[in-house]
Protein backbone atom coordinates (compact mmCIF):
# COMPACT_ATOMS: atom_id res chain seq x y z
CA MET A 1 13.18 38.50 19.67
CA SER A 2 12.06 39.76 23.22
CA ASP A 3 13.26 42.75 24.93
CA THR A 4 13.95 40.50 27.79
CA HIS A 5 16.39 38.61 25.77
CA LEU A 6 18.11 41.72 24.32
CA LEU A 7 18.62 43.17 27.81
CA GLN A 8 19.83 40.04 29.29
CA GLY A 9 23.32 41.39 31.02
CA MET A 10 23.13 44.73 30.17
CA ASP A 11 23.14 46.20 33.50
CA ASP A 12 23.33 50.12 34.13
CA ARG A 13 27.02 50.16 34.35
CA VAL A 14 27.64 48.49 30.89
CA PHE A 15 24.96 50.76 29.46
CA GLU A 16 26.24 53.93 30.96
CA GLU A 17 29.97 53.12 29.72
CA LEU A 18 28.45 52.13 26.12
CA CYS A 19 26.65 55.55 25.94
CA GLN A 20 30.14 57.23 27.26
CA LEU A 21 32.16 55.48 24.31
CA ILE A 22 29.53 56.52 21.87
CA TYR A 23 29.52 60.43 23.15
CA HIS A 24 33.28 60.63 23.02
CA HIS A 25 33.41 59.41 19.69
CA SER A 26 30.46 61.24 18.18
CA ARG A 27 28.93 63.24 20.73
CA ILE A 28 25.62 61.63 20.15
CA CYS A 29 23.81 61.85 23.67
CA LEU A 30 21.93 58.64 24.43
CA THR A 31 19.67 58.93 27.58
CA SER A 32 18.49 56.44 30.02
CA GLU A 33 15.38 55.42 28.29
CA LYS A 34 17.25 54.45 25.11
CA LYS A 35 18.41 50.85 26.74
CA THR A 36 16.05 49.00 24.40
CA PHE A 37 16.80 50.65 21.85
CA LEU A 38 20.82 50.66 22.15
CA SER A 39 20.48 46.72 22.63
CA SER A 40 18.24 46.17 19.57
CA ARG A 41 20.71 48.05 17.37
CA LEU A 42 23.89 46.21 18.67
CA ASP A 43 22.54 42.79 19.52
CA ARG A 44 23.64 41.65 15.77
CA HIS A 45 27.08 43.47 15.76
CA LYS A 46 27.43 41.80 19.65
CA ARG A 47 26.96 38.15 18.12
CA GLU A 48 29.31 39.06 14.94
CA LEU A 49 32.19 40.03 17.85
CA GLN A 50 31.37 36.56 19.50
CA ALA A 51 30.62 38.31 22.54
CA ASP A 52 29.05 36.07 25.08
CA ASN A 53 27.45 38.97 27.00
CA TRP A 54 27.46 42.78 27.13
CA GLY A 55 30.32 43.13 29.57
CA ALA A 56 32.42 41.11 27.28
CA TYR A 57 31.10 43.19 24.09
CA LEU A 58 32.08 46.57 25.94
CA ASP A 59 35.54 44.94 26.60
CA LYS A 60 36.23 43.96 22.92
CA LEU A 61 35.18 47.74 21.63
CA LYS A 62 37.59 49.03 24.28
CA ARG A 63 40.48 46.80 23.46
CA ALA A 64 40.03 47.00 19.57
CA PRO A 65 43.11 47.96 17.80
CA ASP A 66 41.41 50.40 15.80
CA LEU A 67 38.41 52.73 15.42
CA LEU A 68 36.93 50.26 13.02
CA GLU A 69 34.29 48.69 15.47
CA ILE A 70 33.69 51.98 17.36
CA GLU A 71 32.76 53.21 13.90
CA ASN A 72 30.57 50.42 13.21
CA VAL A 73 28.69 51.02 16.38
CA ILE A 74 28.05 54.62 15.78
CA ASP A 75 26.72 53.76 12.44
CA LEU A 76 24.45 51.08 13.84
CA VAL A 77 23.00 53.66 16.54
CA SER A 78 22.85 56.69 13.64
CA THR A 79 19.48 57.14 12.05
CA ASN A 80 19.96 57.46 8.45
CA HIS A 81 16.38 58.38 7.24
CA THR A 82 16.46 60.71 4.29
CA TYR A 83 14.87 61.30 0.74
CA PHE A 84 14.99 63.38 -1.99
CA PHE A 85 13.66 67.12 -1.61
CA ARG A 86 12.73 66.17 1.98
CA GLU A 87 11.24 69.58 3.59
CA PRO A 88 10.58 70.78 0.14
CA SER A 89 10.10 74.57 1.40
CA HIS A 90 13.75 75.11 1.51
CA PHE A 91 14.60 74.33 -1.98
CA ASP A 92 11.62 76.48 -2.94
CA ARG A 93 12.99 79.27 -0.83
CA LEU A 94 16.83 79.06 -2.15
CA SER A 95 15.21 78.83 -5.93
CA GLN A 96 12.91 81.40 -5.47
CA ASP A 97 14.24 84.20 -3.29
CA LEU A 98 17.77 83.55 -1.53
CA LEU A 99 20.17 81.99 -4.42
CA ALA A 100 19.92 85.33 -6.11
CA SER A 101 21.24 87.46 -3.36
CA LEU A 102 23.83 84.92 -2.52
CA LEU A 103 24.97 84.56 -6.06
CA LYS A 104 25.01 88.14 -6.57
CA ASN A 105 27.69 88.63 -3.81
CA GLN A 106 29.84 85.79 -5.37
CA ALA A 107 29.48 87.21 -8.73
CA GLN A 108 31.49 90.42 -7.59
CA ARG A 109 34.00 87.98 -5.83
CA ARG A 110 34.44 85.71 -8.74
CA SER A 111 34.68 82.75 -6.31
CA PRO A 112 32.14 79.53 -6.45
CA LEU A 113 29.52 79.06 -4.38
CA GLN A 114 30.31 76.83 -1.92
CA CYS A 115 27.87 74.26 -0.18
CA TRP A 116 27.90 71.62 2.68
CA SER A 117 25.56 68.99 3.77
CA VAL A 118 26.78 67.94 6.82
CA ALA A 119 24.72 64.89 7.52
CA ALA A 120 24.68 63.92 3.95
CA SER A 121 23.60 59.63 4.56
CA SER A 122 23.04 58.27 1.43
CA GLY A 123 23.20 61.51 -0.96
CA GLU A 124 19.43 62.32 -1.27
CA GLU A 125 19.94 65.69 0.28
CA ALA A 126 23.23 66.65 -1.48
CA PHE A 127 21.63 65.77 -4.86
CA SER A 128 18.51 67.57 -4.13
CA LEU A 129 20.54 70.73 -3.40
CA ALA A 130 22.63 70.13 -6.57
CA ILE A 131 19.58 69.76 -8.76
CA THR A 132 18.24 72.90 -7.17
CA LEU A 133 21.27 74.83 -8.20
CA ALA A 134 21.29 73.09 -11.64
CA GLU A 135 17.73 74.37 -12.12
CA TYR A 136 18.69 77.73 -11.07
CA GLU A 137 21.57 78.05 -13.32
CA ARG A 138 19.43 76.59 -16.10
CA ALA A 139 17.11 79.60 -15.59
CA HIS A 140 19.52 82.42 -14.97
CA GLY A 141 22.92 81.47 -16.59
CA ALA A 142 26.21 79.71 -15.57
CA VAL A 143 26.94 79.58 -11.76
CA ASP A 144 30.30 78.08 -10.49
CA TRP A 145 28.96 75.88 -7.38
CA TYR A 146 30.12 72.74 -5.74
CA VAL A 147 28.04 70.56 -2.69
CA HIS A 148 30.41 68.99 -0.18
CA ALA A 149 28.65 65.98 1.43
CA THR A 150 30.11 64.25 4.66
CA ASP A 151 28.57 61.54 7.02
CA ILE A 152 29.88 59.82 9.86
CA SER A 153 28.56 56.48 8.74
CA ARG A 154 31.05 54.73 5.87
CA ARG A 155 28.08 52.43 5.27
CA VAL A 156 25.60 54.98 3.89
CA LEU A 157 28.34 57.07 1.88
CA MET A 158 28.95 53.66 -0.11
CA LYS A 159 25.67 53.90 -1.17
CA ALA A 160 25.93 57.85 -1.76
CA GLN A 161 29.07 57.35 -3.85
CA ALA A 162 27.01 54.85 -6.23
CA HIS A 163 24.88 57.46 -7.21
CA ILE A 164 22.11 54.73 -7.65
CA TYR A 165 18.49 55.13 -6.32
CA ASP A 166 15.25 53.51 -6.90
CA ILE A 167 12.93 55.27 -9.35
CA ASP A 168 9.84 54.90 -7.09
CA GLN A 169 11.66 56.63 -4.24
CA LEU A 170 13.12 59.81 -5.97
CA ASN A 171 9.99 62.04 -4.98
CA LEU A 172 11.23 64.67 -7.60
CA PRO A 173 9.05 67.92 -7.74
CA SER A 174 8.78 67.53 -11.57
CA THR A 175 8.87 64.60 -13.92
CA ASP A 176 11.45 66.50 -16.29
CA LEU A 177 14.04 66.21 -13.57
CA LEU A 178 14.17 62.38 -13.87
CA THR A 179 15.11 62.59 -17.45
CA ARG A 180 17.37 65.54 -17.01
CA TYR A 181 19.59 64.50 -14.03
CA PHE A 182 18.81 60.62 -14.02
CA GLN A 183 19.69 57.89 -16.23
CA LYS A 184 17.32 55.00 -16.19
CA GLY A 185 18.92 51.36 -15.43
CA THR A 186 17.96 48.42 -17.75
CA GLY A 187 18.37 45.07 -17.30
CA GLU A 188 19.36 44.07 -13.74
CA TYR A 189 19.17 47.80 -12.88
CA GLN A 190 15.66 47.82 -14.03
CA GLY A 191 13.55 50.15 -11.71
CA GLN A 192 16.67 52.18 -10.75
CA CYS A 193 18.48 54.96 -12.08
CA LYS A 194 21.70 56.57 -11.95
CA VAL A 195 22.89 60.30 -11.38
CA LYS A 196 23.97 61.91 -14.31
CA HIS A 197 27.85 62.92 -14.57
CA GLN A 198 26.82 67.00 -14.80
CA LEU A 199 25.85 66.44 -11.31
CA ILE A 200 28.16 63.84 -9.86
CA GLN A 201 31.02 66.11 -10.94
CA ARG A 202 29.78 68.73 -8.65
CA VAL A 203 29.21 66.81 -5.87
CA LYS A 204 31.75 65.26 -3.51
CA PHE A 205 31.36 62.87 -0.83
CA ALA A 206 33.83 62.13 2.13
CA HIS A 207 33.49 60.76 5.57
CA ALA A 208 33.82 63.10 8.50
CA ASN A 209 32.40 63.72 12.12
CA VAL A 210 31.41 67.07 12.46
CA PHE A 211 33.45 67.89 15.35
CA GLN A 212 36.51 66.42 14.42
CA PRO A 213 39.58 69.32 14.65
CA THR A 214 39.70 69.44 10.58
CA LEU A 215 37.08 68.84 7.66
CA PRO A 216 37.23 67.94 4.38
CA VAL A 217 35.41 71.01 3.29
CA PRO A 218 36.20 74.45 2.25
CA GLU A 219 36.82 76.86 5.34
CA HIS A 220 34.63 79.35 3.97
CA LEU A 221 31.19 78.46 2.70
CA HIS A 222 27.71 80.23 1.55
CA ILE A 223 25.03 77.05 2.31
CA ILE A 224 25.28 74.99 5.19
CA PHE A 225 22.35 72.36 5.72
CA CYS A 226 22.42 70.86 8.87
CA ARG A 227 19.13 69.29 8.90
CA ASN A 228 17.84 66.92 11.60
CA VAL A 229 21.29 66.78 13.23
CA LEU A 230 21.18 68.69 16.46
CA ILE A 231 18.32 66.39 17.66
CA TYR A 232 21.20 64.00 18.45
CA PHE A 233 23.19 66.12 20.66
CA ASP A 234 23.35 67.65 24.03
CA THR A 235 23.38 71.23 24.78
CA PRO A 236 27.06 71.87 24.91
CA SER A 237 27.48 70.14 21.94
CA ARG A 238 24.92 72.03 19.95
CA GLN A 239 26.55 75.11 21.12
CA LEU A 240 29.76 73.89 19.84
CA LEU A 241 28.35 72.64 16.56
CA ILE A 242 26.44 75.99 16.27
CA THR A 243 29.36 78.04 16.81
CA ARG A 244 31.57 76.16 14.34
CA LEU A 245 29.09 76.13 11.79
CA GLU A 246 28.46 80.18 12.26
CA ASN A 247 32.16 80.75 11.84
CA MET A 248 32.53 78.85 8.67
CA LEU A 249 29.71 80.71 6.92
CA GLU A 250 30.65 83.39 4.75
CA PRO A 251 28.92 86.77 5.52
CA GLY A 252 25.40 86.59 4.19
CA GLY A 253 25.88 82.77 4.00
CA LEU A 254 22.83 80.35 5.04
CA LEU A 255 22.25 77.57 7.62
CA LEU A 256 19.39 75.44 7.38
CA ILE A 257 18.28 73.45 10.05
CA GLY A 258 15.26 70.95 10.40
CA HIS A 259 11.66 72.25 10.53
CA THR A 260 11.26 70.47 13.87
CA GLU A 261 14.37 72.03 15.51
CA ASN A 262 15.49 75.59 16.88
CA LEU A 263 18.26 77.34 18.10
CA SER A 264 16.42 78.57 21.30
CA SER A 265 19.24 76.57 23.65
CA VAL A 266 22.30 78.01 21.94
CA SER A 267 23.85 81.57 21.70
CA HIS A 268 24.43 82.85 18.11
CA LYS A 269 24.39 86.01 15.72
CA LEU A 270 22.52 84.36 13.28
CA GLN A 271 19.45 86.10 11.43
CA HIS A 272 16.25 83.93 11.91
CA LEU A 273 14.54 83.86 8.21
CA GLY A 274 11.95 81.41 9.22
CA GLY A 275 11.29 77.78 8.62
CA GLY A 276 14.50 76.60 9.95
CA ILE A 277 16.53 79.06 7.82
CA PHE A 278 19.27 81.49 9.46
CA ARG A 279 21.73 83.94 7.53
CA ARG A 280 24.98 85.10 8.82
CA PRO A 281 24.87 89.07 9.14
CA HIS A 282 27.18 91.04 6.63
């Protein structure tokens, strides 16, 4: 399908109003050069809603009786690119150094280690963190921990909550981890595997927008993965989010962002440990 067809009828006013609608409900910021991107992502949805043109499509979204269609739009413009142990140095540093100091403090408080995967997508990041914590527990003794995983997309959360992945896409750092934490499928599930119960019971998935007033995660957290999320927001939204995450961290808690991201455009009191890892001072 050509770009000319996709852009037909989407004038600047409609494009700007769609961007405002998306921003209002998600704070995802789309710039003017994203018109082709937006058109291609939403064209099928427009046809599903039986809208003859982009103006009619916008009108249907505005008049929808609930937020379901708006959520569909946000889902379609979100990029859910993820895989197991993405940016592996983060998991390595947790295992080799950072978890020891965190858990020492928690042992004194006798409270569980609470972690949050902010944009969990289909669950790979949350389960990578869970495997890292479980492996640390195997090596150093019992640890009480939980991973809370949220995403704005209900579609990818459904996949995450199924706990099933293609074996050839696991990208695990050690083959031992496959047999330890996954059950290989047979028959119609040949080539797939399911996360074992020992991890599933420690990982809790929930639908959430990081900017909503209340969140389905603990108020006080020790590790927050917010990787490759800031790139979707403008500076005021980044500031709002980082301030919120900083306040949710326990003293000594860790915030991890993507390797290509930085906090140079926002104010904060976090200590940069390098490689996209920040710590809230004690």
